[in-house]
Amino acid sequence: MATTYESAPELAEALRRAAAAHGEHEKRIGEEDANWPDWYAEYMVREAAGEELPQ
């Protein structure tokens, strides 16, 4: 699915939301997630599409 952001500030805000959600994800799994780039990407694409977000 294609996901676009209209500006750098909009992309930066999406990254901040993904970072906050990923911090909660790492708390739930009890360890650092070395696969964080894939998790961020999935989160951001789903968020932009209005789909259920990863946990």
N, C-alpha and C. Protein backbone atom coordinates (compact mmCIF):
# COMPACT_ATOMS: atom_id res chain seq x y z
N MET A 1 0.84 -1.17 0.00
CA MET A 1 0.00 0.00 0.00
C MET A 1 0.89 1.23 0.00
N ALA A 2 0.59 2.17 -0.86
CA ALA A 2 1.34 3.40 -0.93
C ALA A 2 0.94 4.32 0.22
N THR A 3 1.93 4.93 0.83
CA THR A 3 1.69 5.88 1.92
C THR A 3 2.51 7.12 1.63
N THR A 4 1.87 8.26 1.67
CA THR A 4 2.59 9.50 1.40
C THR A 4 2.37 10.50 2.53
N TYR A 5 3.31 11.39 2.67
CA TYR A 5 3.22 12.48 3.63
C TYR A 5 3.41 13.77 2.86
N GLU A 6 2.64 14.78 3.20
CA GLU A 6 2.63 16.04 2.46
C GLU A 6 3.85 16.91 2.73
N SER A 7 4.51 16.71 3.87
CA SER A 7 5.64 17.57 4.21
C SER A 7 6.56 16.85 5.19
N ALA A 8 7.74 17.40 5.33
CA ALA A 8 8.69 16.84 6.30
C ALA A 8 8.14 16.92 7.72
N PRO A 9 7.51 18.03 8.12
CA PRO A 9 6.95 18.06 9.48
C PRO A 9 5.85 17.00 9.69
N GLU A 10 5.05 16.75 8.68
CA GLU A 10 4.02 15.71 8.80
C GLU A 10 4.66 14.33 8.98
N LEU A 11 5.71 14.05 8.21
CA LEU A 11 6.43 12.79 8.35
C LEU A 11 7.09 12.69 9.72
N ALA A 12 7.69 13.78 10.18
CA ALA A 12 8.34 13.79 11.50
C ALA A 12 7.33 13.49 12.60
N GLU A 13 6.13 14.05 12.49
CA GLU A 13 5.10 13.80 13.50
C GLU A 13 4.67 12.35 13.47
N ALA A 14 4.55 11.77 12.29
CA ALA A 14 4.20 10.34 12.17
C ALA A 14 5.29 9.48 12.80
N LEU A 15 6.54 9.85 12.61
CA LEU A 15 7.65 9.11 13.23
C LEU A 15 7.60 9.23 14.76
N ARG A 16 7.24 10.39 15.27
CA ARG A 16 7.13 10.56 16.73
C ARG A 16 6.02 9.68 17.30
N ARG A 17 4.88 9.62 16.60
CA ARG A 17 3.79 8.74 17.06
C ARG A 17 4.22 7.28 17.02
N ALA A 18 4.90 6.89 15.97
CA ALA A 18 5.38 5.52 15.86
C ALA A 18 6.40 5.21 16.96
N ALA A 19 7.27 6.16 17.25
CA ALA A 19 8.27 5.96 18.30
C ALA A 19 7.61 5.76 19.66
N ALA A 20 6.61 6.57 19.95
CA ALA A 20 5.91 6.44 21.23
C ALA A 20 5.21 5.09 21.32
N ALA A 21 4.54 4.69 20.25
CA ALA A 21 3.84 3.41 20.25
C ALA A 21 4.83 2.26 20.33
N HIS A 22 5.98 2.42 19.69
CA HIS A 22 6.98 1.34 19.72
C HIS A 22 7.57 1.19 21.12
N GLY A 23 7.71 2.30 21.83
CA GLY A 23 8.18 2.22 23.22
C GLY A 23 7.23 1.38 24.06
N GLU A 24 5.94 1.55 23.85
CA GLU A 24 4.94 0.74 24.57
C GLU A 24 5.03 -0.72 24.13
N HIS A 25 5.26 -0.95 22.85
CA HIS A 25 5.43 -2.31 22.33
C HIS A 25 6.61 -3.00 23.03
N GLU A 26 7.73 -2.29 23.14
CA GLU A 26 8.91 -2.88 23.78
C GLU A 26 8.65 -3.16 25.26
N LYS A 27 7.88 -2.31 25.92
CA LYS A 27 7.52 -2.58 27.31
C LYS A 27 6.71 -3.88 27.41
N ARG A 28 5.78 -4.06 26.47
CA ARG A 28 4.94 -5.28 26.49
C ARG A 28 5.75 -6.54 26.24
N ILE A 29 6.72 -6.45 25.31
CA ILE A 29 7.49 -7.67 24.98
C ILE A 29 8.67 -7.86 25.94
N GLY A 30 8.99 -6.83 26.73
CA GLY A 30 10.01 -6.95 27.76
C GLY A 30 11.44 -6.96 27.26
N GLU A 31 11.66 -6.44 26.05
CA GLU A 31 13.02 -6.37 25.51
C GLU A 31 13.06 -5.39 24.35
N GLU A 32 14.30 -5.05 23.95
CA GLU A 32 14.45 -4.20 22.79
C GLU A 32 14.05 -4.97 21.54
N ASP A 33 13.44 -4.28 20.61
CA ASP A 33 13.01 -4.87 19.35
C ASP A 33 14.02 -4.49 18.28
N ALA A 34 14.89 -5.44 17.93
CA ALA A 34 15.91 -5.18 16.91
C ALA A 34 15.30 -4.96 15.53
N ASN A 35 14.06 -5.39 15.36
CA ASN A 35 13.37 -5.26 14.08
C ASN A 35 12.50 -3.99 14.04
N TRP A 36 12.94 -2.97 14.76
CA TRP A 36 12.13 -1.76 14.88
C TRP A 36 11.84 -1.08 13.54
N PRO A 37 12.74 -1.09 12.54
CA PRO A 37 12.38 -0.41 11.29
C PRO A 37 11.13 -1.02 10.63
N ASP A 38 11.03 -2.34 10.63
CA ASP A 38 9.85 -2.97 10.05
C ASP A 38 8.60 -2.64 10.86
N TRP A 39 8.74 -2.61 12.20
CA TRP A 39 7.60 -2.29 13.06
C TRP A 39 7.12 -0.88 12.79
N TYR A 40 8.07 0.09 12.74
CA TYR A 40 7.71 1.47 12.45
C TYR A 40 6.98 1.57 11.12
N ALA A 41 7.54 0.93 10.08
CA ALA A 41 6.94 1.00 8.76
C ALA A 41 5.52 0.46 8.77
N GLU A 42 5.32 -0.68 9.40
CA GLU A 42 3.98 -1.27 9.47
C GLU A 42 3.03 -0.34 10.21
N TYR A 43 3.47 0.22 11.31
CA TYR A 43 2.64 1.13 12.09
C TYR A 43 2.24 2.34 11.25
N MET A 44 3.21 2.95 10.59
CA MET A 44 2.95 4.18 9.85
C MET A 44 2.03 3.93 8.65
N VAL A 45 2.21 2.83 7.97
CA VAL A 45 1.34 2.51 6.84
C VAL A 45 -0.08 2.24 7.31
N ARG A 46 -0.21 1.45 8.38
CA ARG A 46 -1.55 1.16 8.90
C ARG A 46 -2.23 2.41 9.43
N GLU A 47 -1.49 3.25 10.13
CA GLU A 47 -2.06 4.48 10.66
C GLU A 47 -2.58 5.35 9.51
N ALA A 48 -1.79 5.52 8.47
CA ALA A 48 -2.19 6.35 7.34
C ALA A 48 -3.43 5.79 6.64
N ALA A 49 -3.57 4.46 6.66
CA ALA A 49 -4.70 3.82 6.00
C ALA A 49 -5.93 3.74 6.91
N GLY A 50 -5.78 4.12 8.17
CA GLY A 50 -6.89 4.04 9.11
C GLY A 50 -7.19 2.62 9.54
N GLU A 51 -6.19 1.76 9.46
CA GLU A 51 -6.35 0.35 9.85
C GLU A 51 -5.95 0.15 11.31
N GLU A 52 -6.25 -1.04 11.81
CA GLU A 52 -5.87 -1.40 13.17
C GLU A 52 -4.34 -1.35 13.29
N LEU A 53 -3.86 -0.75 14.36
CA LEU A 53 -2.42 -0.56 14.55
C LEU A 53 -1.79 -1.78 15.21
N PRO A 54 -0.53 -2.06 14.89
CA PRO A 54 0.15 -3.19 15.53
C PRO A 54 0.33 -2.93 17.02
N GLN A 55 0.39 -3.98 17.76
CA GLN A 55 0.62 -3.89 19.21
C GLN A 55 2.03 -4.21 19.47
